[in-house]
Amino acid sequence: MVDLQADQLRTLDAIATAGTFEAAAQQLGVTPSAISQRMRALEAAVGQVLVRRGRPATLTAPGEVLVRHARRLALQHAEVLAELDLAEGDTPELTLVITGDALTTWALPVLAEASAWARLEILREDQDHSIDLLRDGKAVATITSVAEAVPGCRSTRLGRMRYRPFASPAFVERWFPDGPTAAALAAAPVLVFDRKDDLQDRYLGGRAGGPRHHVPASHEFLRAVELGMGWGMLPDLQSREPEAAGLLVGFDDAASLTVPQYWQQWRLHSPTLDRVATAVREAAATHLR
């Protein structure tokens, strides 16, 4: 039977987090030689290479499997100590991947409440790509547009967010005097969140778009649209107030995109994670369509 020792699994996790054997040694308070010895022993036990030595060190596919296992054990260990009142005031730590739009519009208040019973590390990632961080074990849960559950996880539908194309009144007057014609869209500047953001391209539907500006933060993206840097797709939850105030114009109300929202989390017994999931689902039921 393969013996997976706790100190070896913690070492693998530290290497994955820190990026080098030296940084992992500093994180764990041991020597780099001890890190190397533990890794050699773990790789010998499983009969597979787990870490590609380099700067940074990267995990192989078997290494990613074991890191997910190590992090599940760490979460369960913290919860057992808390249940036995042996955690000395410490609380379980959860790494969550939340989209920028969800954080800006509805998710942050519920996560603030959850911070009373869990230490949270919140990673921001595009909703179509956040699943990768869950798959490789860097996060225990995510809000994503992907319905199919990652192996070892369960998926729950939260609702959907609707996006519409917006611009400032002055921008519409300048670039879309006759509406969003193909010629006008080909010339008008476009705002894109980052290079993974395809919402504007989905709206364009194969039509040419104008020059692009990238603004990778939800609040600043909204402000950039208000300031006339370009047009962009905004969720109803974010655009409602500035539209009512006349700061934004929905220049093509007949066109909208709906993006489904799912909560995916590790499939394991974790009261802390389940409690956060329940709070997220309740908040989503209030705010999402």
C-alpha atoms as a PDB file:
ATOM      1  CA  MET A   1       0.000   0.000   0.000  1.00  0.00           C
ATOM      2  CA  VAL A   2       1.302   3.466  -0.893  1.00  0.00           C
ATOM      3  CA  ASP A   3       2.072   5.543   2.195  1.00  0.00           C
ATOM      4  CA  LEU A   4       1.314   9.233   1.547  1.00  0.00           C
ATOM      5  CA  GLN A   5       2.902  11.020   4.487  1.00  0.00           C
ATOM      6  CA  ALA A   6       1.440  14.316   5.657  1.00  0.00           C
ATOM      7  CA  ASP A   7       4.760  16.192   5.688  1.00  0.00           C
ATOM      8  CA  GLN A   8       5.466  15.133   2.106  1.00  0.00           C
ATOM      9  CA  LEU A   9       2.040  16.297   0.937  1.00  0.00           C
ATOM     10  CA  ARG A  10       2.494  19.627   2.733  1.00  0.00           C
ATOM     11  CA  THR A  11       5.843  19.962   0.991  1.00  0.00           C
ATOM     12  CA  LEU A  12       4.303  19.383  -2.432  1.00  0.00           C
ATOM     13  CA  ASP A  13       1.621  21.961  -1.657  1.00  0.00           C
ATOM     14  CA  ALA A  14       4.261  24.455  -0.549  1.00  0.00           C
ATOM     15  CA  ILE A  15       6.233  23.970  -3.767  1.00  0.00           C
ATOM     16  CA  ALA A  16       3.071  24.492  -5.829  1.00  0.00           C
ATOM     17  CA  THR A  17       2.264  27.659  -3.905  1.00  0.00           C
ATOM     18  CA  ALA A  18       5.742  29.154  -3.543  1.00  0.00           C
ATOM     19  CA  GLY A  19       7.107  28.180  -6.954  1.00  0.00           C
ATOM     20  CA  THR A  20      10.595  27.026  -5.908  1.00  0.00           C
ATOM     21  CA  PHE A  21      12.132  24.523  -3.506  1.00  0.00           C
ATOM     22  CA  GLU A  22      13.926  27.352  -1.715  1.00  0.00           C
ATOM     23  CA  ALA A  23      10.746  29.381  -1.193  1.00  0.00           C
ATOM     24  CA  ALA A  24       8.899  26.243  -0.058  1.00  0.00           C
ATOM     25  CA  ALA A  25      11.658  25.573   2.478  1.00  0.00           C
ATOM     26  CA  GLN A  26      11.315  29.099   3.850  1.00  0.00           C
ATOM     27  CA  GLN A  27       7.536  28.742   4.027  1.00  0.00           C
ATOM     28  CA  LEU A  28       7.773  25.468   5.977  1.00  0.00           C
ATOM     29  CA  GLY A  29      10.762  26.464   8.110  1.00  0.00           C
ATOM     30  CA  VAL A  30      13.025  23.660   6.890  1.00  0.00           C
ATOM     31  CA  THR A  31      16.116  23.450   4.696  1.00  0.00           C
ATOM     32  CA  PRO A  32      15.978  23.150   0.888  1.00  0.00           C
ATOM     33  CA  SER A  33      17.702  19.792   1.329  1.00  0.00           C
ATOM     34  CA  ALA A  34      14.763  18.568   3.435  1.00  0.00           C
ATOM     35  CA  ILE A  35      12.370  19.702   0.711  1.00  0.00           C
ATOM     36  CA  SER A  36      14.303  17.750  -1.903  1.00  0.00           C
ATOM     37  CA  GLN A  37      14.439  14.631   0.290  1.00  0.00           C
ATOM     38  CA  ARG A  38      10.691  14.721   0.941  1.00  0.00           C
ATOM     39  CA  MET A  39       9.912  15.122  -2.742  1.00  0.00           C
ATOM     40  CA  ARG A  40      12.207  12.272  -3.747  1.00  0.00           C
ATOM     41  CA  ALA A  41      10.545  10.065  -1.132  1.00  0.00           C
ATOM     42  CA  LEU A  42       7.033  11.007  -2.279  1.00  0.00           C
ATOM     43  CA  GLU A  43       7.878  10.456  -5.948  1.00  0.00           C
ATOM     44  CA  ALA A  44       9.440   7.104  -5.084  1.00  0.00           C
ATOM     45  CA  ALA A  45       6.309   6.121  -3.143  1.00  0.00           C
ATOM     46  CA  VAL A  46       3.940   6.849  -6.045  1.00  0.00           C
ATOM     47  CA  GLY A  47       6.402   5.868  -8.777  1.00  0.00           C
ATOM     48  CA  GLN A  48       5.838   9.042 -10.790  1.00  0.00           C
ATOM     49  CA  VAL A  49       7.462  12.431 -11.309  1.00  0.00           C
ATOM     50  CA  LEU A  50       5.381  15.020  -9.472  1.00  0.00           C
ATOM     51  CA  VAL A  51       7.398  18.223  -9.957  1.00  0.00           C
ATOM     52  CA  ARG A  52       9.257  19.552 -12.974  1.00  0.00           C
ATOM     53  CA  ARG A  53      12.412  21.037 -11.497  1.00  0.00           C
ATOM     54  CA  GLY A  54      12.955  24.566 -12.724  1.00  0.00           C
ATOM     55  CA  ARG A  55      12.349  28.192 -11.865  1.00  0.00           C
ATOM     56  CA  PRO A  56       9.530  28.160 -11.255  1.00  0.00           C
ATOM     57  CA  ALA A  57       8.936  24.546 -10.355  1.00  0.00           C
ATOM     58  CA  THR A  58       5.750  23.247 -11.973  1.00  0.00           C
ATOM     59  CA  LEU A  59       3.564  20.258 -11.241  1.00  0.00           C
ATOM     60  CA  THR A  60       3.030  17.312 -13.523  1.00  0.00           C
ATOM     61  CA  ALA A  61      -0.499  15.920 -13.933  1.00  0.00           C
ATOM     62  CA  PRO A  62       0.046  13.382 -11.087  1.00  0.00           C
ATOM     63  CA  GLY A  63       1.456  16.216  -8.972  1.00  0.00           C
ATOM     64  CA  GLU A  64      -1.730  18.245  -9.492  1.00  0.00           C
ATOM     65  CA  VAL A  65      -3.805  15.259  -8.344  1.00  0.00           C
ATOM     66  CA  LEU A  66      -1.783  14.974  -5.139  1.00  0.00           C
ATOM     67  CA  VAL A  67      -1.891  18.728  -4.471  1.00  0.00           C
ATOM     68  CA  ARG A  68      -5.685  18.638  -4.626  1.00  0.00           C
ATOM     69  CA  HIS A  69      -5.592  15.752  -2.160  1.00  0.00           C
ATOM     70  CA  ALA A  70      -3.184  17.638   0.116  1.00  0.00           C
ATOM     71  CA  ARG A  71      -5.395  20.721   0.185  1.00  0.00           C
ATOM     72  CA  ARG A  72      -8.514  18.697   0.925  1.00  0.00           C
ATOM     73  CA  LEU A  73      -6.710  17.090   3.860  1.00  0.00           C
ATOM     74  CA  ALA A  74      -5.528  20.482   5.110  1.00  0.00           C
ATOM     75  CA  LEU A  75      -9.087  21.871   5.065  1.00  0.00           C
ATOM     76  CA  GLN A  76     -10.489  18.851   6.865  1.00  0.00           C
ATOM     77  CA  HIS A  77      -7.653  18.968   9.413  1.00  0.00           C
ATOM     78  CA  ALA A  78      -8.406  22.625  10.202  1.00  0.00           C
ATOM     79  CA  GLU A  79     -12.108  21.869  10.630  1.00  0.00           C
ATOM     80  CA  VAL A  80     -11.440  18.944  12.966  1.00  0.00           C
ATOM     81  CA  LEU A  81      -9.241  21.160  15.154  1.00  0.00           C
ATOM     82  CA  ALA A  82     -11.927  23.859  15.175  1.00  0.00           C
ATOM     83  CA  GLU A  83     -14.607  21.315  16.103  1.00  0.00           C
ATOM     84  CA  LEU A  84     -12.454  20.060  18.980  1.00  0.00           C
ATOM     85  CA  ASP A  85     -11.737  23.649  20.029  1.00  0.00           C
ATOM     86  CA  LEU A  86      -8.030  23.053  19.459  1.00  0.00           C
ATOM     87  CA  ALA A  87      -7.497  25.608  16.710  1.00  0.00           C
ATOM     88  CA  GLU A  88      -6.337  28.370  19.075  1.00  0.00           C
ATOM     89  CA  GLY A  89      -8.606  30.947  17.451  1.00  0.00           C
ATOM     90  CA  ASP A  90      -7.633  29.948  13.910  1.00  0.00           C
ATOM     91  CA  THR A  91     -10.322  29.269  11.323  1.00  0.00           C
ATOM     92  CA  PRO A  92     -10.283  27.146   8.148  1.00  0.00           C
ATOM     93  CA  GLU A  93      -8.906  28.889   5.057  1.00  0.00           C
ATOM     94  CA  LEU A  94     -10.807  28.730   1.773  1.00  0.00           C
ATOM     95  CA  THR A  95      -9.543  29.892  -1.605  1.00  0.00           C
ATOM     96  CA  LEU A  96     -12.434  30.967  -3.856  1.00  0.00           C
ATOM     97  CA  VAL A  97     -12.419  32.125  -7.472  1.00  0.00           C
ATOM     98  CA  ILE A  98     -14.980  34.880  -8.049  1.00  0.00           C
ATOM     99  CA  THR A  99     -15.523  36.866 -11.224  1.00  0.00           C
ATOM    100  CA  GLY A 100     -14.940  40.614 -11.112  1.00  0.00           C
ATOM    101  CA  ASP A 101     -18.546  41.322 -12.124  1.00  0.00           C
ATOM    102  CA  ALA A 102     -19.937  39.092  -9.370  1.00  0.00           C
ATOM    103  CA  LEU A 103     -17.693  40.733  -6.758  1.00  0.00           C
ATOM    104  CA  THR A 104     -18.704  44.218  -7.860  1.00  0.00           C
ATOM    105  CA  THR A 105     -22.439  43.596  -8.102  1.00  0.00           C
ATOM    106  CA  TRP A 106     -23.633  41.022  -5.557  1.00  0.00           C
ATOM    107  CA  ALA A 107     -21.088  38.555  -4.143  1.00  0.00           C
ATOM    108  CA  LEU A 108     -18.869  40.706  -1.921  1.00  0.00           C
ATOM    109  CA  PRO A 109     -21.429  41.374   0.873  1.00  0.00           C
ATOM    110  CA  VAL A 110     -22.113  37.670   1.357  1.00  0.00           C
ATOM    111  CA  LEU A 111     -18.389  36.891   1.340  1.00  0.00           C
ATOM    112  CA  ALA A 112     -17.874  39.612   3.947  1.00  0.00           C
ATOM    113  CA  GLU A 113     -20.376  37.798   6.163  1.00  0.00           C
ATOM    114  CA  ALA A 114     -18.613  34.492   5.520  1.00  0.00           C
ATOM    115  CA  SER A 115     -15.322  35.989   6.677  1.00  0.00           C
ATOM    116  CA  ALA A 116     -16.665  35.704  10.240  1.00  0.00           C
ATOM    117  CA  TRP A 117     -16.268  31.925  10.137  1.00  0.00           C
ATOM    118  CA  ALA A 118     -13.629  31.335   7.443  1.00  0.00           C
ATOM    119  CA  ARG A 119     -10.381  32.932   6.282  1.00  0.00           C
ATOM    120  CA  LEU A 120     -10.947  33.726   2.630  1.00  0.00           C
ATOM    121  CA  GLU A 121      -8.511  34.136  -0.206  1.00  0.00           C
ATOM    122  CA  ILE A 122     -10.465  35.498  -3.170  1.00  0.00           C
ATOM    123  CA  LEU A 123      -8.966  35.125  -6.628  1.00  0.00           C
ATOM    124  CA  ARG A 124     -10.429  37.064  -9.548  1.00  0.00           C
ATOM    125  CA  GLU A 125     -10.716  35.268 -12.845  1.00  0.00           C
ATOM    126  CA  ASP A 126     -12.901  35.373 -15.943  1.00  0.00           C
ATOM    127  CA  GLN A 127     -16.023  33.248 -15.505  1.00  0.00           C
ATOM    128  CA  ASP A 128     -15.121  31.003 -18.456  1.00  0.00           C
ATOM    129  CA  HIS A 129     -11.581  30.388 -17.148  1.00  0.00           C
ATOM    130  CA  SER A 130     -12.091  30.220 -13.371  1.00  0.00           C
ATOM    131  CA  ILE A 131     -12.749  26.497 -13.685  1.00  0.00           C
ATOM    132  CA  ASP A 132      -9.050  25.909 -14.419  1.00  0.00           C
ATOM    133  CA  LEU A 133      -8.096  27.074 -10.921  1.00  0.00           C
ATOM    134  CA  LEU A 134     -10.617  24.665  -9.424  1.00  0.00           C
ATOM    135  CA  ARG A 135      -9.404  21.814 -11.588  1.00  0.00           C
ATOM    136  CA  ASP A 136      -5.742  22.222 -10.612  1.00  0.00           C
ATOM    137  CA  GLY A 137      -6.533  22.468  -6.902  1.00  0.00           C
ATOM    138  CA  LYS A 138      -5.686  26.149  -6.402  1.00  0.00           C
ATOM    139  CA  ALA A 139      -9.246  26.871  -5.255  1.00  0.00           C
ATOM    140  CA  VAL A 140     -11.934  24.928  -3.408  1.00  0.00           C
ATOM    141  CA  ALA A 141     -14.888  26.622  -5.105  1.00  0.00           C
ATOM    142  CA  THR A 142     -15.705  29.023  -7.907  1.00  0.00           C
ATOM    143  CA  ILE A 143     -18.462  30.985  -9.558  1.00  0.00           C
ATOM    144  CA  THR A 144     -18.295  30.013 -13.216  1.00  0.00           C
ATOM    145  CA  SER A 145     -20.320  29.894 -16.419  1.00  0.00           C
ATOM    146  CA  VAL A 146     -19.378  26.216 -16.874  1.00  0.00           C
ATOM    147  CA  ALA A 147     -22.209  23.848 -15.924  1.00  0.00           C
ATOM    148  CA  GLU A 148     -20.395  20.526 -16.171  1.00  0.00           C
ATOM    149  CA  ALA A 149     -18.845  19.619 -12.836  1.00  0.00           C
ATOM    150  CA  VAL A 150     -15.084  19.259 -12.645  1.00  0.00           C
ATOM    151  CA  PRO A 151     -14.114  15.715 -11.601  1.00  0.00           C
ATOM    152  CA  GLY A 152     -14.298  15.534  -7.822  1.00  0.00           C
ATOM    153  CA  CYS A 153     -16.598  18.564  -7.617  1.00  0.00           C
ATOM    154  CA  ARG A 154     -20.301  19.292  -7.677  1.00  0.00           C
ATOM    155  CA  SER A 155     -22.034  22.019  -9.656  1.00  0.00           C
ATOM    156  CA  THR A 156     -25.109  24.038  -8.620  1.00  0.00           C
ATOM    157  CA  ARG A 157     -26.912  26.544 -10.836  1.00  0.00           C
ATOM    158  CA  LEU A 158     -27.120  30.020  -9.283  1.00  0.00           C
ATOM    159  CA  GLY A 159     -28.980  31.883 -12.021  1.00  0.00           C
ATOM    160  CA  ARG A 160     -27.807  34.089 -14.851  1.00  0.00           C
ATOM    161  CA  MET A 161     -26.505  37.587 -15.481  1.00  0.00           C
ATOM    162  CA  ARG A 162     -27.751  39.640 -18.426  1.00  0.00           C
ATOM    163  CA  TYR A 163     -25.350  41.912 -20.304  1.00  0.00           C
ATOM    164  CA  ARG A 164     -26.212  44.739 -22.733  1.00  0.00           C
ATOM    165  CA  PRO A 165     -24.034  47.079 -24.827  1.00  0.00           C
ATOM    166  CA  PHE A 166     -23.608  50.519 -23.261  1.00  0.00           C
ATOM    167  CA  ALA A 167     -21.828  53.773 -23.991  1.00  0.00           C
ATOM    168  CA  SER A 168     -21.901  57.352 -22.746  1.00  0.00           C
ATOM    169  CA  PRO A 169     -24.475  59.714 -24.311  1.00  0.00           C
ATOM    170  CA  ALA A 170     -21.712  61.747 -25.991  1.00  0.00           C
ATOM    171  CA  PHE A 171     -20.128  58.560 -27.364  1.00  0.00           C
ATOM    172  CA  VAL A 172     -23.438  57.412 -28.859  1.00  0.00           C
ATOM    173  CA  GLU A 173     -24.018  60.822 -30.406  1.00  0.00           C
ATOM    174  CA  ARG A 174     -20.567  60.782 -31.992  1.00  0.00           C
ATOM    175  CA  TRP A 175     -20.204  57.166 -33.102  1.00  0.00           C
ATOM    176  CA  PHE A 176     -23.773  55.848 -33.447  1.00  0.00           C
ATOM    177  CA  PRO A 177     -25.884  58.743 -34.802  1.00  0.00           C
ATOM    178  CA  ASP A 178     -27.748  56.247 -37.030  1.00  0.00           C
ATOM    179  CA  GLY A 179     -27.579  53.400 -34.525  1.00  0.00           C
ATOM    180  CA  PRO A 180     -25.065  50.547 -34.205  1.00  0.00           C
ATOM    181  CA  THR A 181     -24.650  49.877 -37.910  1.00  0.00           C
ATOM    182  CA  ALA A 182     -21.936  47.554 -39.130  1.00  0.00           C
ATOM    183  CA  ALA A 183     -19.930  50.545 -40.386  1.00  0.00           C
ATOM    184  CA  ALA A 184     -20.295  52.392 -37.074  1.00  0.00           C
ATOM    185  CA  LEU A 185     -19.281  49.352 -35.006  1.00  0.00           C
ATOM    186  CA  ALA A 186     -16.236  48.843 -37.224  1.00  0.00           C
ATOM    187  CA  ALA A 187     -15.023  52.353 -36.362  1.00  0.00           C
ATOM    188  CA  ALA A 188     -16.140  52.898 -32.749  1.00  0.00           C
ATOM    189  CA  PRO A 189     -13.609  52.126 -29.970  1.00  0.00           C
ATOM    190  CA  VAL A 190     -14.383  49.015 -27.921  1.00  0.00           C
ATOM    191  CA  LEU A 191     -13.714  48.433 -24.229  1.00  0.00           C
ATOM    192  CA  VAL A 192     -12.640  44.921 -23.247  1.00  0.00           C
ATOM    193  CA  PHE A 193     -12.063  43.710 -19.692  1.00  0.00           C
ATOM    194  CA  ASP A 194      -8.959  41.660 -20.585  1.00  0.00           C
ATOM    195  CA  ARG A 195      -7.775  39.373 -23.357  1.00  0.00           C
ATOM    196  CA  LYS A 196      -9.961  36.524 -22.090  1.00  0.00           C
ATOM    197  CA  ASP A 197     -13.126  38.633 -22.271  1.00  0.00           C
ATOM    198  CA  ASP A 198     -15.217  37.650 -25.289  1.00  0.00           C
ATOM    199  CA  LEU A 199     -18.536  39.333 -24.445  1.00  0.00           C
ATOM    200  CA  GLN A 200     -17.989  42.187 -26.880  1.00  0.00           C
ATOM    201  CA  ASP A 201     -17.063  39.740 -29.647  1.00  0.00           C
ATOM    202  CA  ARG A 202     -20.170  37.692 -28.910  1.00  0.00           C
ATOM    203  CA  TYR A 203     -22.277  40.825 -29.314  1.00  0.00           C
ATOM    204  CA  LEU A 204     -20.490  41.730 -32.554  1.00  0.00           C
ATOM    205  CA  GLY A 205     -21.292  38.264 -33.881  1.00  0.00           C
ATOM    206  CA  GLY A 206     -18.519  38.205 -36.438  1.00  0.00           C
ATOM    207  CA  ARG A 207     -18.818  41.860 -37.406  1.00  0.00           C
ATOM    208  CA  ALA A 208     -15.704  43.985 -37.335  1.00  0.00           C
ATOM    209  CA  GLY A 209     -15.042  46.039 -34.234  1.00  0.00           C
ATOM    210  CA  GLY A 210     -13.105  49.251 -33.744  1.00  0.00           C
ATOM    211  CA  PRO A 211      -9.838  49.795 -31.837  1.00  0.00           C
ATOM    212  CA  ARG A 212      -9.727  48.133 -28.416  1.00  0.00           C
ATOM    213  CA  HIS A 213      -8.875  49.371 -24.948  1.00  0.00           C
ATOM    214  CA  HIS A 214      -8.354  46.917 -22.075  1.00  0.00           C
ATOM    215  CA  VAL A 215      -9.527  47.877 -18.577  1.00  0.00           C
ATOM    216  CA  PRO A 216      -9.199  44.809 -16.280  1.00  0.00           C
ATOM    217  CA  ALA A 217     -11.264  45.891 -13.241  1.00  0.00           C
ATOM    218  CA  SER A 218     -15.074  45.936 -13.049  1.00  0.00           C
ATOM    219  CA  HIS A 219     -15.569  49.325 -11.399  1.00  0.00           C
ATOM    220  CA  GLU A 220     -12.964  50.984 -13.587  1.00  0.00           C
ATOM    221  CA  PHE A 221     -14.441  49.306 -16.671  1.00  0.00           C
ATOM    222  CA  LEU A 222     -17.791  50.923 -15.880  1.00  0.00           C
ATOM    223  CA  ARG A 223     -16.116  54.299 -15.333  1.00  0.00           C
ATOM    224  CA  ALA A 224     -14.266  53.969 -18.633  1.00  0.00           C
ATOM    225  CA  VAL A 225     -17.580  53.448 -20.432  1.00  0.00           C
ATOM    226  CA  GLU A 226     -19.066  56.469 -18.634  1.00  0.00           C
ATOM    227  CA  LEU A 227     -16.040  58.569 -19.605  1.00  0.00           C
ATOM    228  CA  GLY A 228     -16.401  57.705 -23.282  1.00  0.00           C
ATOM    229  CA  MET A 229     -13.299  55.547 -23.801  1.00  0.00           C
ATOM    230  CA  GLY A 230     -15.418  53.079 -25.737  1.00  0.00           C
ATOM    231  CA  TRP A 231     -18.560  50.989 -25.661  1.00  0.00           C
ATOM    232  CA  GLY A 232     -18.758  47.804 -23.615  1.00  0.00           C
ATOM    233  CA  MET A 233     -21.017  45.031 -22.374  1.00  0.00           C
ATOM    234  CA  LEU A 234     -22.247  45.647 -18.823  1.00  0.00           C
ATOM    235  CA  PRO A 235     -24.396  43.499 -16.529  1.00  0.00           C
ATOM    236  CA  ASP A 236     -27.821  44.832 -15.595  1.00  0.00           C
ATOM    237  CA  LEU A 237     -26.882  44.737 -11.910  1.00  0.00           C
ATOM    238  CA  GLN A 238     -24.075  47.221 -12.586  1.00  0.00           C
ATOM    239  CA  SER A 239     -25.601  49.417 -15.293  1.00  0.00           C
ATOM    240  CA  ARG A 240     -29.047  50.024 -13.791  1.00  0.00           C
ATOM    241  CA  GLU A 241     -28.220  53.073 -11.643  1.00  0.00           C
ATOM    242  CA  PRO A 242     -25.895  54.927 -14.066  1.00  0.00           C
ATOM    243  CA  GLU A 243     -28.395  54.313 -16.874  1.00  0.00           C
ATOM    244  CA  ALA A 244     -31.200  55.797 -14.770  1.00  0.00           C
ATOM    245  CA  ALA A 245     -28.934  58.778 -13.966  1.00  0.00           C
ATOM    246  CA  GLY A 246     -28.293  59.406 -17.663  1.00  0.00           C
ATOM    247  CA  LEU A 247     -24.605  58.523 -17.479  1.00  0.00           C
ATOM    248  CA  LEU A 248     -25.037  55.500 -19.754  1.00  0.00           C
ATOM    249  CA  VAL A 249     -27.092  54.739 -22.836  1.00  0.00           C
ATOM    250  CA  GLY A 250     -28.071  51.229 -23.874  1.00  0.00           C
ATOM    251  CA  PHE A 251     -27.631  51.757 -27.593  1.00  0.00           C
ATOM    252  CA  ASP A 252     -28.936  48.353 -28.742  1.00  0.00           C
ATOM    253  CA  ASP A 253     -31.598  47.242 -26.272  1.00  0.00           C
ATOM    254  CA  ALA A 254     -32.827  44.547 -28.642  1.00  0.00           C
ATOM    255  CA  ALA A 255     -29.508  42.766 -28.206  1.00  0.00           C
ATOM    256  CA  SER A 256     -28.496  41.200 -24.912  1.00  0.00           C
ATOM    257  CA  LEU A 257     -26.404  38.282 -23.731  1.00  0.00           C
ATOM    258  CA  THR A 258     -27.210  36.070 -20.770  1.00  0.00           C
ATOM    259  CA  VAL A 259     -24.386  34.291 -18.984  1.00  0.00           C
ATOM    260  CA  PRO A 260     -25.328  31.370 -16.703  1.00  0.00           C
ATOM    261  CA  GLN A 261     -23.775  31.314 -13.262  1.00  0.00           C
ATOM    262  CA  TYR A 262     -22.839  28.123 -11.423  1.00  0.00           C
ATOM    263  CA  TRP A 263     -21.253  27.412  -8.066  1.00  0.00           C
ATOM    264  CA  GLN A 264     -18.748  24.567  -8.288  1.00  0.00           C
ATOM    265  CA  GLN A 265     -17.020  23.231  -5.206  1.00  0.00           C
ATOM    266  CA  TRP A 266     -14.986  20.269  -4.070  1.00  0.00           C
ATOM    267  CA  ARG A 267     -17.074  17.203  -3.308  1.00  0.00           C
ATOM    268  CA  LEU A 268     -15.991  16.566   0.275  1.00  0.00           C
ATOM    269  CA  HIS A 269     -17.431  16.849   3.745  1.00  0.00           C
ATOM    270  CA  SER A 270     -16.618  20.390   4.806  1.00  0.00           C
ATOM    271  CA  PRO A 271     -19.073  22.240   7.060  1.00  0.00           C
ATOM    272  CA  THR A 272     -17.243  25.521   6.438  1.00  0.00           C
ATOM    273  CA  LEU A 273     -17.333  25.226   2.656  1.00  0.00           C
ATOM    274  CA  ASP A 274     -20.955  24.055   2.684  1.00  0.00           C
ATOM    275  CA  ARG A 275     -21.907  27.026   4.860  1.00  0.00           C
ATOM    276  CA  VAL A 276     -20.294  29.447   2.408  1.00  0.00           C
ATOM    277  CA  ALA A 277     -22.032  27.674  -0.484  1.00  0.00           C
ATOM    278  CA  THR A 278     -25.424  28.039   1.189  1.00  0.00           C
ATOM    279  CA  ALA A 279     -24.850  31.754   1.756  1.00  0.00           C
ATOM    280  CA  VAL A 280     -23.791  32.248  -1.879  1.00  0.00           C
ATOM    281  CA  ARG A 281     -26.846  30.393  -3.182  1.00  0.00           C
ATOM    282  CA  GLU A 282     -29.171  32.479  -1.025  1.00  0.00           C
ATOM    283  CA  ALA A 283     -27.590  35.726  -2.212  1.00  0.00           C
ATOM    284  CA  ALA A 284     -27.733  34.599  -5.842  1.00  0.00           C
ATOM    285  CA  ALA A 285     -31.435  33.779  -5.501  1.00  0.00           C
ATOM    286  CA  THR A 286     -32.019  37.400  -4.511  1.00  0.00           C
ATOM    287  CA  HIS A 287     -29.883  39.102  -7.145  1.00  0.00           C
ATOM    288  CA  LEU A 288     -29.667  36.892 -10.225  1.00  0.00           C
ATOM    289  CA  ARG A 289     -32.346  36.249 -12.811  1.00  0.00           C
END
